[in-house]
Amino acid sequence: MNRLQHRPAGRLPIGGLLLALTALLISVSACGGGSSGSEKKIKVITSLPLFADFVREVGSGRVEVSSLVPIGANPQAWQPATGDVERVAQADIAFANGHDFEPAATKVLQENLRPGVPLVQIAGDDD
C-alpha cells in the first residue's frame, strides 16, 4: 500500500508549502518594478524554527524570516514575548504546524496577522 496516497484530509504536503511560498515570491516579484537592488523582501513569520529554516532555504535572498518559538524552546510551553505581536503584524505570510502542537504561537498568529495575510497550516486539522 502506498502511504502517500492515504494522507489525512486537511494536511498540506511539503509540496503545498513550497507551492504557497513560490506563488508568494512570484507575486511579489511581479509587483516590484524597481531595480534588483531595491527589491522589498517578503516578511515571513513561522511558528517553529524548522519551518523558518525551510522557508529561508526556499526563499533564498528574497525573504526575511523569523520564528516565534526560538531554537531549543518547548513549543507547547512557549509564551509570546514583547515584540512578537509586532513581528506577526508585519508579516506577508505565516506558517504554523497545526494540530495544537504550538498552541500559543498559533494563537498569536491567528489573532495578529493583518486581514488577507495567509496562515499556512502545515499539518492541517484532522477533525
Foldseek 3Di string as FASTA:
>chain_A
DDVVVVQFPFAQAVVNVLVVLVVVLVVQVVPDPDDPVPRAAAEEEEQDPVVQVVSCVSCPPRHDYDHQADPPDQLLPDAGDPPPLVSLQPHQEYEYADPSRRVRSVVSNVVRHDPPRYYHHRGGDND
